[in-house]
Amino acid sequence: MKKVLFVCTGNTCRSVLAHYYAAKLASDEGLKLSFSSAGLAATPDIPQPKAVADLLAKEGVKGFSHVPAMLTGKMIKANDVVLAMTADHKAEIIRRYPRAAKKTWTLVEYAGFGHDDIADPFGRDDLFYFEVFKLIKAAVKAVIGKLKKK
């Protein structure tokens, strides 16, 4: 089973949207893929933005509940692919965990969409979350397609 870890800053928005959306898609297709998420500066006491739960609910993710998790070396080691939301996140992951270099990409890069970053919607309006999630959904679909071929 391939294991994929999504990483962002606080593990409240982007990595969470990617994590739970990917898990839903993989489950719907009966794929043996595992997804998780973490943040480079996550703290468990920051609540999930309502927009995250609302967007995931619209995609059929039921009973959504998530507590932000801080990225650890154990998480890096346990996953086959590490997908960061920005180039800066990717660089910081590799700086902290040099052995992760060969399995770390940005989500957009791994999806084959170039080298753009996924903007941070935290604190922004619902429309901004929606636009960010559109890109995440497209990238996640491409990632799952790529992982199915391996």
N, C-alpha and C. Protein backbone atom coordinates (compact mmCIF):
# COMPACT_ATOMS: atom_id res chain seq x y z
N MET A 1 0.85 -1.18 0.00
CA MET A 1 0.00 0.00 0.00
C MET A 1 0.88 1.24 0.00
N LYS A 2 0.64 2.12 -0.96
CA LYS A 2 1.35 3.40 -1.03
C LYS A 2 0.79 4.33 0.03
N LYS A 3 1.69 5.03 0.71
CA LYS A 3 1.29 5.99 1.74
C LYS A 3 1.74 7.38 1.33
N VAL A 4 0.80 8.34 1.38
CA VAL A 4 1.06 9.71 0.95
C VAL A 4 0.78 10.66 2.11
N LEU A 5 1.71 11.57 2.33
CA LEU A 5 1.59 12.58 3.38
C LEU A 5 1.52 13.96 2.73
N PHE A 6 0.47 14.73 3.05
CA PHE A 6 0.33 16.10 2.58
C PHE A 6 0.79 17.04 3.70
N VAL A 7 1.58 18.05 3.32
CA VAL A 7 2.14 18.97 4.33
C VAL A 7 1.88 20.41 3.94
N CYS A 8 1.44 21.20 4.92
CA CYS A 8 1.31 22.64 4.75
C CYS A 8 1.85 23.32 6.01
N THR A 9 1.42 24.51 6.30
CA THR A 9 1.94 25.24 7.45
C THR A 9 1.30 24.77 8.75
N GLY A 10 -0.01 24.96 8.88
CA GLY A 10 -0.66 24.69 10.15
C GLY A 10 -1.52 23.46 10.20
N ASN A 11 -1.65 22.75 9.08
CA ASN A 11 -2.45 21.53 8.99
C ASN A 11 -3.90 21.80 9.37
N THR A 12 -4.43 22.94 8.88
CA THR A 12 -5.83 23.25 9.11
C THR A 12 -6.61 23.41 7.81
N CYS A 13 -5.94 23.69 6.69
CA CYS A 13 -6.66 23.99 5.44
C CYS A 13 -6.19 23.12 4.28
N ARG A 14 -5.10 23.54 3.63
CA ARG A 14 -4.68 22.92 2.37
C ARG A 14 -4.36 21.44 2.50
N SER A 15 -3.50 21.08 3.43
CA SER A 15 -3.12 19.67 3.57
C SER A 15 -4.31 18.84 4.01
N VAL A 16 -5.20 19.43 4.81
CA VAL A 16 -6.40 18.73 5.27
C VAL A 16 -7.35 18.49 4.10
N LEU A 17 -7.57 19.50 3.28
CA LEU A 17 -8.43 19.33 2.11
C LEU A 17 -7.87 18.25 1.19
N ALA A 18 -6.57 18.28 0.93
CA ALA A 18 -5.95 17.27 0.07
C ALA A 18 -6.06 15.88 0.69
N HIS A 19 -5.76 15.76 1.97
CA HIS A 19 -5.77 14.49 2.69
C HIS A 19 -7.15 13.82 2.61
N TYR A 20 -8.17 14.52 3.04
CA TYR A 20 -9.49 13.91 3.13
C TYR A 20 -10.15 13.73 1.75
N TYR A 21 -9.87 14.63 0.83
CA TYR A 21 -10.40 14.46 -0.52
C TYR A 21 -9.73 13.26 -1.19
N ALA A 22 -8.42 13.13 -1.05
CA ALA A 22 -7.71 11.99 -1.63
C ALA A 22 -8.20 10.67 -1.03
N ALA A 23 -8.39 10.65 0.27
CA ALA A 23 -8.88 9.43 0.92
C ALA A 23 -10.26 9.04 0.40
N LYS A 24 -11.13 10.04 0.19
CA LYS A 24 -12.47 9.77 -0.33
C LYS A 24 -12.39 9.22 -1.76
N LEU A 25 -11.59 9.84 -2.60
CA LEU A 25 -11.46 9.36 -3.98
C LEU A 25 -10.90 7.94 -4.02
N ALA A 26 -9.86 7.69 -3.26
CA ALA A 26 -9.24 6.36 -3.24
C ALA A 26 -10.23 5.31 -2.73
N SER A 27 -10.96 5.64 -1.70
CA SER A 27 -11.96 4.72 -1.16
C SER A 27 -13.05 4.43 -2.19
N ASP A 28 -13.53 5.47 -2.86
CA ASP A 28 -14.56 5.30 -3.88
C ASP A 28 -14.10 4.39 -5.01
N GLU A 29 -12.80 4.42 -5.31
CA GLU A 29 -12.26 3.60 -6.39
C GLU A 29 -11.72 2.25 -5.91
N GLY A 30 -11.80 2.00 -4.60
CA GLY A 30 -11.30 0.75 -4.05
C GLY A 30 -9.79 0.60 -4.13
N LEU A 31 -9.08 1.72 -4.10
CA LEU A 31 -7.62 1.70 -4.22
C LEU A 31 -6.95 1.49 -2.86
N LYS A 32 -5.84 0.80 -2.88
CA LYS A 32 -5.08 0.57 -1.65
C LYS A 32 -4.03 1.67 -1.51
N LEU A 33 -4.51 2.83 -1.13
CA LEU A 33 -3.67 4.00 -0.90
C LEU A 33 -4.03 4.55 0.47
N SER A 34 -3.04 5.07 1.16
CA SER A 34 -3.26 5.64 2.49
C SER A 34 -2.82 7.10 2.48
N PHE A 35 -3.61 7.97 3.10
CA PHE A 35 -3.32 9.40 3.11
C PHE A 35 -3.33 9.93 4.53
N SER A 36 -2.44 10.89 4.78
CA SER A 36 -2.39 11.58 6.05
C SER A 36 -1.92 13.01 5.78
N SER A 37 -1.91 13.83 6.84
CA SER A 37 -1.47 15.21 6.67
C SER A 37 -0.84 15.71 7.95
N ALA A 38 -0.02 16.75 7.79
CA ALA A 38 0.66 17.36 8.93
C ALA A 38 1.06 18.78 8.56
N GLY A 39 1.48 19.53 9.56
CA GLY A 39 1.90 20.90 9.33
C GLY A 39 3.30 21.15 9.87
N LEU A 40 3.99 22.06 9.24
CA LEU A 40 5.33 22.44 9.70
C LEU A 40 5.30 23.25 10.99
N ALA A 41 4.17 23.90 11.24
CA ALA A 41 4.02 24.71 12.45
C ALA A 41 2.63 24.50 13.04
N ALA A 42 2.18 23.27 13.08
CA ALA A 42 0.83 22.96 13.53
C ALA A 42 0.71 23.00 15.05
N THR A 43 -0.44 23.45 15.49
CA THR A 43 -0.78 23.38 16.91
C THR A 43 -2.21 22.85 17.01
N PRO A 44 -2.43 21.88 17.87
CA PRO A 44 -3.74 21.24 17.92
C PRO A 44 -4.88 22.12 18.42
N ASP A 45 -4.57 23.28 18.98
CA ASP A 45 -5.64 24.11 19.52
C ASP A 45 -6.22 25.11 18.52
N ILE A 46 -5.73 25.12 17.29
CA ILE A 46 -6.30 26.00 16.27
C ILE A 46 -7.44 25.24 15.59
N PRO A 47 -8.64 25.78 15.66
CA PRO A 47 -9.79 25.06 15.08
C PRO A 47 -9.78 25.06 13.56
N GLN A 48 -10.40 24.03 13.00
CA GLN A 48 -10.55 23.96 11.55
C GLN A 48 -11.47 25.08 11.10
N PRO A 49 -11.12 25.76 10.02
CA PRO A 49 -12.05 26.73 9.45
C PRO A 49 -13.32 26.03 8.97
N LYS A 50 -14.45 26.64 9.19
CA LYS A 50 -15.73 26.06 8.78
C LYS A 50 -15.75 25.76 7.28
N ALA A 51 -15.11 26.61 6.50
CA ALA A 51 -15.10 26.42 5.04
C ALA A 51 -14.49 25.07 4.66
N VAL A 52 -13.52 24.58 5.41
CA VAL A 52 -12.89 23.28 5.11
C VAL A 52 -13.92 22.16 5.25
N ALA A 53 -14.62 22.14 6.37
CA ALA A 53 -15.64 21.12 6.58
C ALA A 53 -16.76 21.24 5.55
N ASP A 54 -17.15 22.46 5.22
CA ASP A 54 -18.22 22.66 4.23
C ASP A 54 -17.81 22.15 2.86
N LEU A 55 -16.61 22.46 2.43
CA LEU A 55 -16.14 22.01 1.11
C LEU A 55 -16.03 20.49 1.06
N LEU A 56 -15.50 19.90 2.11
CA LEU A 56 -15.37 18.43 2.13
C LEU A 56 -16.74 17.76 2.18
N ALA A 57 -17.68 18.34 2.90
CA ALA A 57 -19.03 17.78 2.96
C ALA A 57 -19.67 17.76 1.57
N LYS A 58 -19.43 18.81 0.79
CA LYS A 58 -19.97 18.87 -0.57
C LYS A 58 -19.39 17.78 -1.46
N GLU A 59 -18.21 17.28 -1.09
CA GLU A 59 -17.58 16.20 -1.85
C GLU A 59 -17.92 14.81 -1.29
N GLY A 60 -18.77 14.79 -0.27
CA GLY A 60 -19.19 13.50 0.29
C GLY A 60 -18.34 12.98 1.42
N VAL A 61 -17.46 13.81 1.96
CA VAL A 61 -16.66 13.39 3.11
C VAL A 61 -17.55 13.55 4.34
N LYS A 62 -17.94 12.44 4.91
CA LYS A 62 -18.90 12.44 6.01
C LYS A 62 -18.18 12.43 7.36
N GLY A 63 -18.78 13.07 8.35
CA GLY A 63 -18.26 13.03 9.71
C GLY A 63 -16.85 13.59 9.84
N PHE A 64 -16.56 14.62 9.08
CA PHE A 64 -15.21 15.19 9.08
C PHE A 64 -14.84 15.72 10.46
N SER A 65 -13.68 15.28 10.92
CA SER A 65 -13.11 15.77 12.18
C SER A 65 -11.60 15.65 12.06
N HIS A 66 -10.90 16.71 12.40
CA HIS A 66 -9.44 16.70 12.25
C HIS A 66 -8.80 17.57 13.32
N VAL A 67 -7.72 17.06 13.90
CA VAL A 67 -6.91 17.83 14.84
C VAL A 67 -5.56 18.06 14.17
N PRO A 68 -5.11 19.31 14.04
CA PRO A 68 -3.83 19.59 13.40
C PRO A 68 -2.68 18.81 14.05
N ALA A 69 -1.81 18.27 13.22
CA ALA A 69 -0.67 17.48 13.69
C ALA A 69 0.63 18.10 13.20
N MET A 70 1.61 18.16 14.08
CA MET A 70 2.93 18.67 13.76
C MET A 70 3.71 17.60 12.99
N LEU A 71 4.38 17.99 11.93
CA LEU A 71 5.19 17.08 11.14
C LEU A 71 6.34 16.53 11.98
N THR A 72 6.55 15.23 11.87
CA THR A 72 7.65 14.57 12.60
C THR A 72 8.47 13.71 11.65
N GLY A 73 9.66 13.37 12.08
CA GLY A 73 10.50 12.47 11.30
C GLY A 73 9.86 11.10 11.14
N LYS A 74 9.14 10.66 12.14
CA LYS A 74 8.46 9.38 12.06
C LYS A 74 7.42 9.39 10.94
N MET A 75 6.71 10.51 10.79
CA MET A 75 5.73 10.64 9.70
C MET A 75 6.43 10.58 8.34
N ILE A 76 7.53 11.30 8.23
CA ILE A 76 8.28 11.31 6.97
C ILE A 76 8.71 9.90 6.62
N LYS A 77 9.27 9.20 7.58
CA LYS A 77 9.78 7.85 7.35
C LYS A 77 8.66 6.88 6.97
N ALA A 78 7.48 7.05 7.56
CA ALA A 78 6.37 6.12 7.36
C ALA A 78 5.67 6.27 6.01
N ASN A 79 5.95 7.35 5.28
CA ASN A 79 5.25 7.60 4.02
C ASN A 79 6.17 7.43 2.82
N ASP A 80 5.56 7.00 1.72
CA ASP A 80 6.30 6.79 0.47
C ASP A 80 6.45 8.07 -0.34
N VAL A 81 5.46 8.94 -0.23
CA VAL A 81 5.43 10.18 -0.99
C VAL A 81 5.04 11.30 -0.02
N VAL A 82 5.78 12.42 -0.07
CA VAL A 82 5.48 13.59 0.74
C VAL A 82 5.19 14.74 -0.21
N LEU A 83 3.99 15.32 -0.08
CA LEU A 83 3.56 16.37 -0.99
C LEU A 83 3.30 17.66 -0.22
N ALA A 84 4.13 18.64 -0.49
CA ALA A 84 4.04 19.95 0.17
C ALA A 84 3.15 20.88 -0.64
N MET A 85 2.58 21.86 0.03
CA MET A 85 1.70 22.80 -0.66
C MET A 85 2.46 23.92 -1.36
N THR A 86 3.68 24.20 -0.94
CA THR A 86 4.47 25.26 -1.57
C THR A 86 5.92 24.81 -1.73
N ALA A 87 6.64 25.52 -2.56
CA ALA A 87 8.07 25.25 -2.73
C ALA A 87 8.82 25.52 -1.42
N ASP A 88 8.39 26.54 -0.68
CA ASP A 88 9.03 26.81 0.62
C ASP A 88 8.79 25.67 1.60
N HIS A 89 7.59 25.11 1.61
CA HIS A 89 7.33 23.95 2.47
C HIS A 89 8.25 22.79 2.08
N LYS A 90 8.33 22.53 0.79
CA LYS A 90 9.19 21.44 0.30
C LYS A 90 10.63 21.66 0.77
N ALA A 91 11.14 22.86 0.61
CA ALA A 91 12.52 23.16 1.01
C ALA A 91 12.71 22.97 2.51
N GLU A 92 11.72 23.36 3.29
CA GLU A 92 11.83 23.22 4.75
C GLU A 92 11.77 21.75 5.17
N ILE A 93 10.93 20.97 4.51
CA ILE A 93 10.88 19.54 4.80
C ILE A 93 12.24 18.90 4.54
N ILE A 94 12.83 19.23 3.40
CA ILE A 94 14.12 18.64 3.04
C ILE A 94 15.23 19.16 3.96
N ARG A 95 15.14 20.42 4.38
CA ARG A 95 16.13 20.95 5.32
C ARG A 95 16.07 20.20 6.65
N ARG A 96 14.85 19.97 7.14
CA ARG A 96 14.69 19.26 8.42
C ARG A 96 14.97 17.76 8.31
N TYR A 97 14.61 17.18 7.17
CA TYR A 97 14.70 15.73 6.98
C TYR A 97 15.38 15.45 5.63
N PRO A 98 16.70 15.61 5.55
CA PRO A 98 17.41 15.46 4.27
C PRO A 98 17.14 14.14 3.55
N ARG A 99 16.89 13.08 4.30
CA ARG A 99 16.63 11.79 3.66
C ARG A 99 15.29 11.76 2.91
N ALA A 100 14.47 12.76 3.14
CA ALA A 100 13.17 12.83 2.46
C ALA A 100 13.27 13.43 1.07
N ALA A 101 14.44 13.89 0.67
CA ALA A 101 14.59 14.63 -0.60
C ALA A 101 14.08 13.85 -1.81
N LYS A 102 14.31 12.57 -1.85
CA LYS A 102 13.93 11.78 -3.03
C LYS A 102 12.44 11.43 -3.07
N LYS A 103 11.73 11.70 -2.00
CA LYS A 103 10.30 11.39 -2.00
C LYS A 103 9.42 12.60 -1.70
N THR A 104 9.98 13.79 -1.79
CA THR A 104 9.25 15.02 -1.49
C THR A 104 9.12 15.91 -2.73
N TRP A 105 7.89 16.31 -3.00
CA TRP A 105 7.57 17.21 -4.10
C TRP A 105 6.52 18.20 -3.61
N THR A 106 6.26 19.22 -4.41
CA THR A 106 5.05 19.99 -4.13
C THR A 106 3.89 19.21 -4.76
N LEU A 107 2.71 19.43 -4.26
CA LEU A 107 1.53 18.75 -4.79
C LEU A 107 1.37 19.04 -6.28
N VAL A 108 1.50 20.30 -6.65
CA VAL A 108 1.33 20.71 -8.04
C VAL A 108 2.41 20.08 -8.93
N GLU A 109 3.63 20.05 -8.44
CA GLU A 109 4.74 19.46 -9.17
C GLU A 109 4.52 17.96 -9.41
N TYR A 110 4.17 17.23 -8.38
CA TYR A 110 3.95 15.79 -8.49
C TYR A 110 2.77 15.48 -9.42
N ALA A 111 1.77 16.35 -9.40
CA ALA A 111 0.60 16.18 -10.27
C ALA A 111 0.93 16.43 -11.74
N GLY A 112 2.08 17.08 -11.98
CA GLY A 112 2.46 17.39 -13.36
C GLY A 112 1.92 18.71 -13.85
N PHE A 113 1.58 19.61 -12.93
CA PHE A 113 0.99 20.90 -13.28
C PHE A 113 2.00 22.04 -13.26
N GLY A 114 3.27 21.76 -13.15
CA GLY A 114 4.27 22.83 -13.09
C GLY A 114 4.83 22.98 -11.69
N HIS A 115 5.17 24.22 -11.35
CA HIS A 115 5.82 24.46 -10.06
C HIS A 115 5.14 25.53 -9.22
N ASP A 116 3.86 25.76 -9.47
CA ASP A 116 3.13 26.77 -8.69
C ASP A 116 2.89 26.31 -7.26
N ASP A 117 2.72 27.29 -6.40
CA ASP A 117 2.34 27.02 -5.02
C ASP A 117 0.82 27.01 -4.90
N ILE A 118 0.33 26.36 -3.87
CA ILE A 118 -1.09 26.43 -3.55
C ILE A 118 -1.23 27.48 -2.45
N ALA A 119 -1.95 28.53 -2.77
CA ALA A 119 -2.10 29.68 -1.85
C ALA A 119 -2.76 29.25 -0.54
N ASP A 120 -2.40 29.94 0.52
CA ASP A 120 -2.95 29.66 1.84
C ASP A 120 -4.26 30.42 2.01
N PRO A 121 -5.38 29.69 2.18
CA PRO A 121 -6.66 30.37 2.32
C PRO A 121 -7.00 30.77 3.77
N PHE A 122 -6.16 30.36 4.73
CA PHE A 122 -6.49 30.58 6.14
C PHE A 122 -6.82 32.05 6.40
N GLY A 123 -7.99 32.27 7.00
CA GLY A 123 -8.42 33.62 7.32
C GLY A 123 -9.06 34.37 6.18
N ARG A 124 -9.14 33.76 5.02
CA ARG A 124 -9.74 34.42 3.85
C ARG A 124 -11.22 34.06 3.75
N ASP A 125 -11.90 34.62 2.75
CA ASP A 125 -13.33 34.36 2.61
C ASP A 125 -13.58 33.00 1.95
N ASP A 126 -14.84 32.57 1.99
CA ASP A 126 -15.21 31.26 1.47
C ASP A 126 -14.90 31.09 -0.01
N LEU A 127 -15.03 32.15 -0.79
CA LEU A 127 -14.71 32.07 -2.21
C LEU A 127 -13.25 31.73 -2.43
N PHE A 128 -12.37 32.29 -1.62
CA PHE A 128 -10.94 31.98 -1.74
C PHE A 128 -10.69 30.51 -1.42
N TYR A 129 -11.33 30.00 -0.37
CA TYR A 129 -11.21 28.56 -0.05
C TYR A 129 -11.68 27.72 -1.22
N PHE A 130 -12.81 28.10 -1.82
CA PHE A 130 -13.36 27.37 -2.95
C PHE A 130 -12.36 27.32 -4.11
N GLU A 131 -11.75 28.45 -4.42
CA GLU A 131 -10.79 28.51 -5.52
C GLU A 131 -9.54 27.66 -5.22
N VAL A 132 -9.07 27.72 -4.01
CA VAL A 132 -7.91 26.91 -3.61
C VAL A 132 -8.26 25.43 -3.71
N PHE A 133 -9.44 25.08 -3.25
CA PHE A 133 -9.85 23.67 -3.28
C PHE A 133 -10.00 23.16 -4.70
N LYS A 134 -10.41 24.01 -5.64
CA LYS A 134 -10.49 23.59 -7.06
C LYS A 134 -9.13 23.10 -7.54
N LEU A 135 -8.07 23.84 -7.23
CA LEU A 135 -6.73 23.44 -7.63
C LEU A 135 -6.31 22.17 -6.90
N ILE A 136 -6.57 22.10 -5.61
CA ILE A 136 -6.22 20.91 -4.84
C ILE A 136 -6.93 19.68 -5.40
N LYS A 137 -8.21 19.79 -5.71
CA LYS A 137 -8.96 18.65 -6.25
C LYS A 137 -8.35 18.17 -7.57
N ALA A 138 -8.05 19.09 -8.46
CA ALA A 138 -7.46 18.71 -9.75
C ALA A 138 -6.11 18.03 -9.55
N ALA A 139 -5.30 18.59 -8.67
CA ALA A 139 -3.98 18.00 -8.41
C ALA A 139 -4.09 16.64 -7.76
N VAL A 140 -4.98 16.50 -6.80
CA VAL A 140 -5.16 15.22 -6.11
C VAL A 140 -5.63 14.15 -7.11
N LYS A 141 -6.55 14.50 -7.99
CA LYS A 141 -7.01 13.54 -9.00
C LYS A 141 -5.84 13.07 -9.86
N ALA A 142 -4.97 14.00 -10.25
CA ALA A 142 -3.79 13.64 -11.05
C ALA A 142 -2.83 12.76 -10.25
N VAL A 143 -2.65 13.07 -8.99
CA VAL A 143 -1.77 12.27 -8.12
C VAL A 143 -2.29 10.84 -8.01
N ILE A 144 -3.58 10.70 -7.77
CA ILE A 144 -4.16 9.36 -7.65
C ILE A 144 -4.02 8.60 -8.96
N GLY A 145 -4.23 9.28 -10.07
CA GLY A 145 -4.03 8.64 -11.37
C GLY A 145 -2.60 8.16 -11.54
N LYS A 146 -1.67 8.96 -11.11
CA LYS A 146 -0.24 8.58 -11.19
C LYS A 146 0.07 7.40 -10.28
N LEU A 147 -0.47 7.41 -9.07
CA LEU A 147 -0.22 6.32 -8.11
C LEU A 147 -0.87 5.02 -8.55
N LYS A 148 -1.99 5.10 -9.26
CA LYS A 148 -2.66 3.89 -9.75
C LYS A 148 -1.78 3.15 -10.76
N LYS A 149 -0.97 3.90 -11.49
CA LYS A 149 -0.12 3.31 -12.52
C LYS A 149 1.12 2.62 -11.93
N LYS A 150 1.46 2.97 -10.71
CA LYS A 150 2.69 2.41 -10.10
C LYS A 150 2.44 1.08 -9.45
